[in-house]
Amino acid sequence: MVNSKALLSNDGGYISFSFNGRTIRFKGPYSLVRIARVKEWDNGYLVVDAVYSHSQDKLVEDYIDLVPILENLYIDPKIFLQPIKPVEVENVRATA
């Protein structure tokens, strides 16, 4: 059985998206402290709650579109994203 869960994490301003043994790492906002939770997953488009250095006392809704990132890496988004059902936050390390 293939695992259908993907993991989203960050290390300071870098965001990692991991699924099925592959990890894609890309630059996020400079002020990103941590991604708190995934609110919505829609086949490559994520709505997340995040904490930023300029607003550490509240969660800020933010958006991540993986499709253009995958295309720039010559990864077919339809094939890569299709089996993913849930996306969860894991191993969050705040290094702001």
Protein backbone atom coordinates (compact mmCIF):
# COMPACT_ATOMS: atom_id res chain seq x y z
CA MET A 1 0.00 0.00 0.00
CA VAL A 2 1.34 3.42 -0.95
CA ASN A 3 1.45 6.09 1.74
CA SER A 4 -0.81 8.98 0.72
CA LYS A 5 0.33 11.45 3.41
CA ALA A 6 2.73 14.28 2.61
CA LEU A 7 4.70 16.24 5.21
CA LEU A 8 5.31 19.97 5.32
CA SER A 9 7.99 21.48 7.53
CA ASN A 10 10.26 24.48 7.76
CA ASP A 11 13.69 25.36 9.00
CA GLY A 12 13.70 29.11 9.31
CA GLY A 13 12.87 30.60 5.93
CA TYR A 14 13.15 27.30 4.05
CA ILE A 15 10.10 25.12 3.52
CA SER A 16 10.26 21.38 2.85
CA PHE A 17 7.53 19.30 1.25
CA SER A 18 8.09 15.54 1.50
CA PHE A 19 6.17 12.73 -0.11
CA ASN A 20 6.96 9.15 -1.04
CA GLY A 21 10.71 9.43 -0.42
CA ARG A 22 11.16 12.76 -2.23
CA THR A 23 11.74 16.10 -0.55
CA ILE A 24 11.37 19.44 -2.27
CA ARG A 25 12.98 22.34 -0.44
CA PHE A 26 12.33 25.94 -1.37
CA LYS A 27 12.73 29.44 0.02
CA GLY A 28 9.83 30.82 2.00
CA PRO A 29 9.31 34.29 3.43
CA TYR A 30 12.35 35.69 5.26
CA SER A 31 10.28 36.28 8.41
CA LEU A 32 8.81 32.77 8.64
CA VAL A 33 9.24 31.35 12.14
CA ARG A 34 7.12 28.21 11.77
CA ILE A 35 4.24 26.65 9.93
CA ALA A 36 1.66 25.83 12.56
CA ARG A 37 -0.88 23.79 10.59
CA VAL A 38 -2.27 22.95 7.19
CA LYS A 39 -5.81 24.26 6.90
CA GLU A 40 -6.54 23.11 3.36
CA TRP A 41 -4.98 20.95 0.67
CA ASP A 42 -6.21 21.18 -2.91
CA ASN A 43 -4.00 19.20 -5.29
CA GLY A 44 -0.89 21.36 -5.00
CA TYR A 45 -2.36 24.42 -3.34
CA LEU A 46 -1.96 24.76 0.43
CA VAL A 47 -3.62 27.10 2.87
CA VAL A 48 -1.59 27.19 6.09
CA ASP A 49 -1.47 29.00 9.39
CA ALA A 50 2.02 30.34 10.05
CA VAL A 51 3.88 32.39 12.61
CA TYR A 52 6.07 35.23 11.38
CA SER A 53 8.71 37.21 13.27
CA HIS A 54 6.69 40.42 12.94
CA SER A 55 3.52 38.81 14.40
CA GLN A 56 4.60 36.07 16.77
CA ASP A 57 1.55 36.54 18.98
CA LYS A 58 -0.91 35.38 16.28
CA LEU A 59 -1.31 32.93 13.43
CA VAL A 60 -1.34 34.36 9.92
CA GLU A 61 -3.08 32.60 7.05
CA ASP A 62 -0.73 32.07 4.12
CA TYR A 63 -0.74 30.21 0.81
CA ILE A 64 1.70 27.90 -0.96
CA ASP A 65 1.28 26.87 -4.60
CA LEU A 66 3.44 23.83 -5.33
CA VAL A 67 2.56 23.52 -9.03
CA PRO A 68 4.98 26.18 -10.35
CA ILE A 69 7.71 24.92 -8.01
CA LEU A 70 7.33 21.37 -9.32
CA GLU A 71 7.24 22.57 -12.93
CA ASN A 72 10.48 24.51 -12.43
CA LEU A 73 12.05 21.27 -11.18
CA TYR A 74 10.77 19.36 -14.23
CA ILE A 75 8.49 17.24 -12.05
CA ASP A 76 5.05 16.57 -13.54
CA PRO A 77 2.64 18.05 -10.95
CA LYS A 78 -0.28 15.85 -12.04
CA ILE A 79 1.67 12.64 -11.48
CA PHE A 80 3.46 13.77 -8.30
CA LEU A 81 0.46 15.34 -6.55
CA GLN A 82 -2.35 12.98 -7.56
CA PRO A 83 -1.85 10.30 -4.85
CA ILE A 84 -1.48 12.82 -2.00
CA LYS A 85 -4.51 12.98 0.28
CA PRO A 86 -3.57 14.58 3.61
CA VAL A 87 -0.72 17.00 4.20
CA GLU A 88 0.50 17.42 7.76
CA VAL A 89 3.05 19.66 9.46
CA GLU A 90 5.99 17.77 10.93
CA ASN A 91 9.42 18.47 12.43
CA VAL A 92 8.95 22.20 12.66
CA ARG A 93 12.12 23.94 13.80
CA ALA A 94 11.96 27.66 14.39
CA THR A 95 15.25 29.41 13.62
CA ALA A 96 14.14 32.95 12.97
